[in-house]
N, C-alpha and C. Protein backbone atom coordinates (compact mmCIF):
# COMPACT_ATOMS: atom_id res chain seq x y z
N GLN A 1 15.32 12.11 102.74
CA GLN A 1 14.21 11.35 102.28
C GLN A 1 13.14 11.41 103.41
N VAL A 2 11.95 11.74 103.08
CA VAL A 2 10.79 11.89 104.05
C VAL A 2 9.74 10.89 103.61
N ASP A 3 9.25 10.07 104.48
CA ASP A 3 8.02 9.15 104.18
C ASP A 3 6.88 9.70 104.91
N LEU A 4 5.76 9.73 104.23
CA LEU A 4 4.54 10.34 104.76
C LEU A 4 3.33 9.29 104.73
N VAL A 5 2.72 8.99 105.79
CA VAL A 5 1.54 8.02 105.74
C VAL A 5 0.35 8.75 106.30
N GLU A 6 -0.72 8.93 105.50
CA GLU A 6 -1.93 9.56 105.98
C GLU A 6 -2.95 8.53 106.41
N SER A 7 -3.81 9.03 107.40
CA SER A 7 -4.92 8.20 107.84
C SER A 7 -6.04 9.05 108.31
N GLY A 8 -7.22 8.51 108.49
CA GLY A 8 -8.33 9.30 109.10
C GLY A 8 -9.45 9.86 108.10
N GLY A 9 -9.28 9.55 106.83
CA GLY A 9 -10.24 9.86 105.93
C GLY A 9 -11.61 8.98 106.12
N GLY A 10 -12.72 9.36 105.40
CA GLY A 10 -13.94 8.77 105.47
C GLY A 10 -15.04 9.47 104.97
N LEU A 11 -16.20 8.92 105.26
CA LEU A 11 -17.48 9.56 104.83
C LEU A 11 -18.09 10.26 106.05
N VAL A 12 -18.58 11.32 105.74
CA VAL A 12 -19.25 12.28 106.83
C VAL A 12 -20.31 13.08 106.28
N GLN A 13 -21.34 13.40 107.07
CA GLN A 13 -22.29 14.25 106.54
C GLN A 13 -21.99 15.77 106.63
N THR A 14 -22.67 16.51 105.95
CA THR A 14 -22.54 17.96 105.98
C THR A 14 -22.48 18.46 107.39
N GLY A 15 -21.61 19.26 107.85
CA GLY A 15 -21.52 19.85 109.22
C GLY A 15 -20.79 19.00 110.16
N GLY A 16 -20.37 17.73 109.59
CA GLY A 16 -19.56 16.92 110.44
C GLY A 16 -18.23 17.36 110.69
N SER A 17 -17.48 16.35 111.28
CA SER A 17 -16.00 16.54 111.56
C SER A 17 -15.17 15.23 111.25
N LEU A 18 -13.97 15.53 110.79
CA LEU A 18 -13.05 14.46 110.74
C LEU A 18 -11.64 15.00 111.09
N ARG A 19 -10.70 14.02 111.60
CA ARG A 19 -9.37 14.35 111.82
C ARG A 19 -8.44 13.56 110.97
N LEU A 20 -7.62 14.21 110.22
CA LEU A 20 -6.65 13.46 109.45
C LEU A 20 -5.34 13.45 110.23
N SER A 21 -4.61 12.25 109.98
CA SER A 21 -3.27 12.33 110.58
C SER A 21 -2.26 11.97 109.56
N CYS A 22 -1.03 12.42 109.83
CA CYS A 22 0.11 12.20 108.88
C CYS A 22 1.32 11.87 109.69
N LEU A 23 1.70 10.65 109.55
CA LEU A 23 2.94 10.17 110.23
C LEU A 23 4.06 10.36 109.45
N ALA A 24 5.09 11.14 109.87
CA ALA A 24 6.26 11.55 109.03
C ALA A 24 7.51 10.82 109.65
N SER A 25 8.20 10.27 108.69
CA SER A 25 9.56 9.77 109.09
C SER A 25 10.65 10.21 108.09
N GLY A 26 11.85 10.29 108.74
CA GLY A 26 13.00 10.72 107.89
C GLY A 26 13.84 11.82 108.63
N ARG A 27 14.94 12.17 108.02
CA ARG A 27 15.76 13.09 108.61
C ARG A 27 15.32 14.51 108.30
N ALA A 28 15.76 15.39 109.13
CA ALA A 28 15.76 16.86 108.83
C ALA A 28 14.28 17.40 108.78
N LEU A 29 13.41 16.73 109.53
CA LEU A 29 12.03 17.27 109.59
C LEU A 29 11.99 18.74 109.93
N SER A 30 12.87 19.06 110.94
CA SER A 30 12.91 20.32 111.59
C SER A 30 13.26 21.52 110.34
N ARG A 31 13.65 21.03 109.23
CA ARG A 31 13.93 22.03 108.22
C ARG A 31 12.63 22.43 107.36
N TYR A 32 11.68 21.54 107.45
CA TYR A 32 10.51 21.57 106.69
C TYR A 32 9.32 22.14 107.17
N ALA A 33 8.42 22.51 106.29
CA ALA A 33 7.01 22.75 106.57
C ALA A 33 6.31 21.39 106.19
N LEU A 34 5.22 21.03 106.91
CA LEU A 34 4.40 19.85 106.60
C LEU A 34 2.98 20.43 106.38
N GLY A 35 2.36 19.96 105.35
CA GLY A 35 1.03 20.47 104.94
C GLY A 35 -0.06 19.45 104.50
N TRP A 36 -1.12 20.04 104.07
CA TRP A 36 -2.07 19.27 103.40
C TRP A 36 -2.60 19.97 102.17
N PHE A 37 -2.75 19.15 101.08
CA PHE A 37 -3.36 19.60 99.90
C PHE A 37 -4.55 18.74 99.72
N ARG A 38 -5.33 19.09 98.75
CA ARG A 38 -6.52 18.19 98.39
C ARG A 38 -6.76 18.32 96.97
N GLN A 39 -7.42 17.20 96.43
CA GLN A 39 -7.70 17.24 95.02
C GLN A 39 -9.07 16.60 94.83
N ALA A 40 -9.98 17.35 94.33
CA ALA A 40 -11.36 16.91 94.02
C ALA A 40 -11.37 16.38 92.57
N PRO A 41 -12.31 15.45 92.25
CA PRO A 41 -12.43 14.88 90.91
C PRO A 41 -12.29 15.99 89.89
N GLU A 42 -11.49 15.73 88.81
CA GLU A 42 -11.46 16.68 87.71
C GLU A 42 -11.00 18.14 88.08
N LYS A 43 -10.38 18.29 89.20
CA LYS A 43 -9.83 19.51 89.58
C LYS A 43 -8.47 19.49 89.92
N LYS A 44 -7.72 20.48 89.96
CA LYS A 44 -6.31 20.58 90.22
C LYS A 44 -6.17 20.43 91.75
N ARG A 45 -5.00 19.94 92.16
CA ARG A 45 -4.62 19.91 93.56
C ARG A 45 -4.53 21.24 94.13
N GLU A 46 -5.05 21.49 95.32
CA GLU A 46 -5.02 22.81 95.94
C GLU A 46 -4.46 22.75 97.31
N PHE A 47 -3.85 23.78 97.76
CA PHE A 47 -3.26 23.97 99.07
C PHE A 47 -4.49 24.04 100.08
N VAL A 48 -4.25 23.45 101.16
CA VAL A 48 -5.22 23.51 102.31
C VAL A 48 -4.63 24.14 103.64
N ALA A 49 -3.60 23.71 104.06
CA ALA A 49 -2.99 24.26 105.23
C ALA A 49 -1.58 23.69 105.41
N ARG A 50 -0.71 24.47 106.10
CA ARG A 50 0.67 24.00 106.40
C ARG A 50 1.10 24.58 107.69
N ILE A 51 2.10 23.82 108.33
CA ILE A 51 2.65 24.24 109.70
C ILE A 51 4.11 24.13 109.50
N ILE A 52 4.83 24.96 109.96
CA ILE A 52 6.38 24.88 110.11
C ILE A 52 6.79 23.90 111.19
N TRP A 53 7.55 22.86 110.92
CA TRP A 53 7.88 21.93 111.86
C TRP A 53 8.59 22.67 113.16
N SER A 54 9.50 23.47 112.90
CA SER A 54 10.37 24.07 113.86
C SER A 54 9.64 25.49 114.03
N GLY A 55 8.90 25.67 115.17
CA GLY A 55 8.24 26.93 115.45
C GLY A 55 6.81 26.83 115.48
N GLY A 56 6.13 26.27 114.52
CA GLY A 56 4.72 25.95 114.55
C GLY A 56 3.81 26.93 113.91
N SER A 57 4.39 27.92 113.16
CA SER A 57 3.52 28.84 112.46
C SER A 57 2.70 28.17 111.45
N THR A 58 1.44 28.60 111.29
CA THR A 58 0.48 27.99 110.36
C THR A 58 0.06 28.90 109.26
N ASN A 59 -0.50 28.34 108.25
CA ASN A 59 -1.21 29.20 107.18
C ASN A 59 -2.31 28.21 106.49
N TYR A 60 -3.31 28.92 106.17
CA TYR A 60 -4.42 28.19 105.65
C TYR A 60 -5.02 28.90 104.36
N ALA A 61 -5.71 27.94 103.52
CA ALA A 61 -6.38 28.46 102.50
C ALA A 61 -7.66 29.32 102.99
N ASP A 62 -8.00 30.33 102.24
CA ASP A 62 -9.25 31.02 102.61
C ASP A 62 -10.48 30.25 102.81
N SER A 63 -10.61 29.13 102.00
CA SER A 63 -11.78 28.33 101.99
C SER A 63 -11.91 27.54 103.23
N VAL A 64 -10.90 27.29 104.03
CA VAL A 64 -10.95 26.44 105.23
C VAL A 64 -10.71 27.34 106.59
N LYS A 65 -10.33 28.55 106.34
CA LYS A 65 -10.05 29.27 107.60
C LYS A 65 -11.31 29.30 108.52
N GLY A 66 -11.02 29.18 109.84
CA GLY A 66 -12.07 29.12 110.79
C GLY A 66 -12.71 27.72 110.93
N ARG A 67 -12.52 26.81 110.05
CA ARG A 67 -13.15 25.52 110.11
C ARG A 67 -12.07 24.38 110.34
N PHE A 68 -10.99 24.58 109.69
CA PHE A 68 -9.83 23.52 109.76
C PHE A 68 -8.76 23.98 110.67
N THR A 69 -8.14 23.02 111.36
CA THR A 69 -6.89 23.48 112.27
C THR A 69 -5.82 22.50 111.99
N ILE A 70 -4.63 23.02 111.61
CA ILE A 70 -3.45 22.01 111.53
C ILE A 70 -2.69 22.07 112.83
N SER A 71 -2.15 20.94 113.27
CA SER A 71 -1.43 20.93 114.47
C SER A 71 -0.29 19.84 114.24
N LYS A 72 0.61 19.72 115.26
CA LYS A 72 1.61 18.66 115.16
C LYS A 72 2.01 18.14 116.52
N ASP A 73 2.46 16.94 116.63
CA ASP A 73 2.91 16.41 117.80
C ASP A 73 4.45 15.96 117.47
N ASN A 74 5.43 16.75 118.01
CA ASN A 74 6.63 16.44 117.71
C ASN A 74 7.17 15.10 118.15
N ALA A 75 6.80 14.71 119.39
CA ALA A 75 7.05 13.38 119.96
C ALA A 75 6.73 12.23 119.13
N LYS A 76 5.51 12.43 118.41
CA LYS A 76 4.95 11.24 117.54
C LYS A 76 5.27 11.56 116.10
N ASN A 77 6.05 12.59 115.74
CA ASN A 77 6.25 12.90 114.32
C ASN A 77 4.90 12.83 113.41
N THR A 78 3.96 13.51 113.95
CA THR A 78 2.66 13.41 113.42
C THR A 78 2.15 14.73 113.18
N VAL A 79 1.45 15.10 112.13
CA VAL A 79 0.91 16.33 111.84
C VAL A 79 -0.72 15.90 111.70
N TYR A 80 -1.63 16.76 112.20
CA TYR A 80 -2.93 16.65 112.15
C TYR A 80 -3.76 17.67 111.35
N LEU A 81 -4.81 17.33 110.83
CA LEU A 81 -5.73 18.26 110.36
C LEU A 81 -7.16 17.94 110.89
N GLN A 82 -7.52 18.87 111.70
CA GLN A 82 -8.83 18.78 112.25
C GLN A 82 -9.78 19.51 111.42
N MET A 83 -10.85 18.88 110.94
CA MET A 83 -11.70 19.38 109.94
C MET A 83 -13.16 19.49 110.51
N ASN A 84 -13.66 20.70 110.79
CA ASN A 84 -15.00 20.86 111.28
C ASN A 84 -15.91 21.55 110.31
N SER A 85 -17.25 21.50 110.64
CA SER A 85 -18.23 22.16 109.82
C SER A 85 -18.00 21.72 108.29
N LEU A 86 -17.87 20.49 107.99
CA LEU A 86 -17.44 20.05 106.63
C LEU A 86 -18.60 20.37 105.59
N LYS A 87 -18.22 20.57 104.35
CA LYS A 87 -19.12 20.95 103.43
C LYS A 87 -18.82 19.94 102.21
N PRO A 88 -19.78 19.70 101.36
CA PRO A 88 -19.65 18.88 100.20
C PRO A 88 -18.42 19.24 99.33
N GLU A 89 -18.11 20.54 99.15
CA GLU A 89 -17.03 21.03 98.49
C GLU A 89 -15.68 20.63 99.04
N ASP A 90 -15.72 20.20 100.31
CA ASP A 90 -14.42 19.70 100.96
C ASP A 90 -14.08 18.27 100.52
N THR A 91 -14.90 17.70 99.76
CA THR A 91 -14.68 16.30 99.30
C THR A 91 -13.45 16.21 98.39
N GLY A 92 -12.70 15.19 98.57
CA GLY A 92 -11.53 15.01 97.77
C GLY A 92 -10.60 14.11 98.37
N VAL A 93 -9.50 13.92 97.70
CA VAL A 93 -8.34 13.18 98.25
C VAL A 93 -7.45 14.07 98.87
N TYR A 94 -7.15 13.93 100.21
CA TYR A 94 -6.24 14.80 100.91
C TYR A 94 -4.86 14.11 100.97
N TYR A 95 -3.82 14.99 100.62
CA TYR A 95 -2.55 14.48 100.70
C TYR A 95 -1.68 15.31 101.65
N CYS A 96 -0.87 14.49 102.39
CA CYS A 96 0.08 15.08 103.26
C CYS A 96 1.37 15.29 102.45
N THR A 97 2.12 16.45 102.76
CA THR A 97 3.21 16.90 102.06
C THR A 97 4.29 17.44 102.93
N ALA A 98 5.58 17.43 102.55
CA ALA A 98 6.66 18.06 103.28
C ALA A 98 7.68 18.67 102.30
N GLY A 99 8.34 19.75 102.81
CA GLY A 99 9.23 20.41 101.94
C GLY A 99 9.41 21.75 102.48
N VAL A 100 10.19 22.60 101.68
CA VAL A 100 10.34 23.91 101.86
C VAL A 100 8.98 24.68 101.47
N PRO A 101 8.45 25.50 102.23
CA PRO A 101 7.08 26.09 101.85
C PRO A 101 7.18 26.58 100.48
N GLY A 102 6.19 26.08 99.66
CA GLY A 102 6.03 26.51 98.22
C GLY A 102 6.78 25.59 97.33
N PHE A 103 7.65 24.67 97.85
CA PHE A 103 8.25 23.70 97.07
C PHE A 103 8.35 22.34 97.68
N TYR A 104 7.06 21.84 97.77
CA TYR A 104 6.86 20.57 98.49
C TYR A 104 7.25 19.48 97.67
N ASN A 105 8.19 18.59 98.07
CA ASN A 105 8.67 17.57 97.21
C ASN A 105 8.46 16.11 97.86
N TYR A 106 7.81 15.97 98.91
CA TYR A 106 7.61 14.66 99.49
C TYR A 106 6.04 14.67 99.68
N TRP A 107 5.42 13.58 99.27
CA TRP A 107 3.94 13.41 99.33
C TRP A 107 3.61 12.01 99.85
N GLY A 108 2.50 11.96 100.49
CA GLY A 108 1.89 10.78 100.99
C GLY A 108 0.96 10.20 99.84
N GLN A 109 0.40 9.01 100.20
CA GLN A 109 -0.39 8.36 99.13
C GLN A 109 -1.76 8.96 98.98
N GLY A 110 -2.20 9.72 100.03
CA GLY A 110 -3.53 10.35 100.01
C GLY A 110 -4.56 9.57 100.86
N THR A 111 -5.55 10.24 101.31
CA THR A 111 -6.76 9.70 101.95
C THR A 111 -8.03 10.31 101.50
N GLN A 112 -9.04 9.46 101.25
CA GLN A 112 -10.27 10.01 100.69
C GLN A 112 -11.15 10.59 101.77
N VAL A 113 -11.67 11.77 101.51
CA VAL A 113 -12.63 12.42 102.43
C VAL A 113 -13.88 12.74 101.50
N THR A 114 -14.99 12.25 102.02
CA THR A 114 -16.26 12.51 101.24
C THR A 114 -17.39 12.99 102.22
N VAL A 115 -17.87 14.14 101.79
CA VAL A 115 -18.90 14.93 102.58
C VAL A 115 -20.16 14.74 101.81
N SER A 116 -21.13 14.10 102.47
CA SER A 116 -22.40 13.96 101.77
C SER A 116 -23.26 15.16 102.09
N SER A 117 -24.20 15.52 101.12
CA SER A 117 -25.10 16.61 101.32
C SER A 117 -26.37 16.17 101.99
């Protein structure tokens, strides 16, 4: 069992920055990837980024490459998503997730990110 708690969402203007945090608790985190998905109103949930807990390799959606950075702090059991150069299309609820890459079965409650134009 893995519990995930997100924080750091909010309202920001186009071009601004936000940093999301995800506090993870539970056993066997080292077996998993932790990542972020997002869901805009009336759209499907989509992959944003992920990081392998053991090793630290990362992967990003094309839409956020060069603007978002995912990182982790093992000592704090926390994953971060630094979001720069934000655009209105980045608006949505951002969810932290954990699991085997491609088979994420643990989810946080989500945090709202709103980018105003």
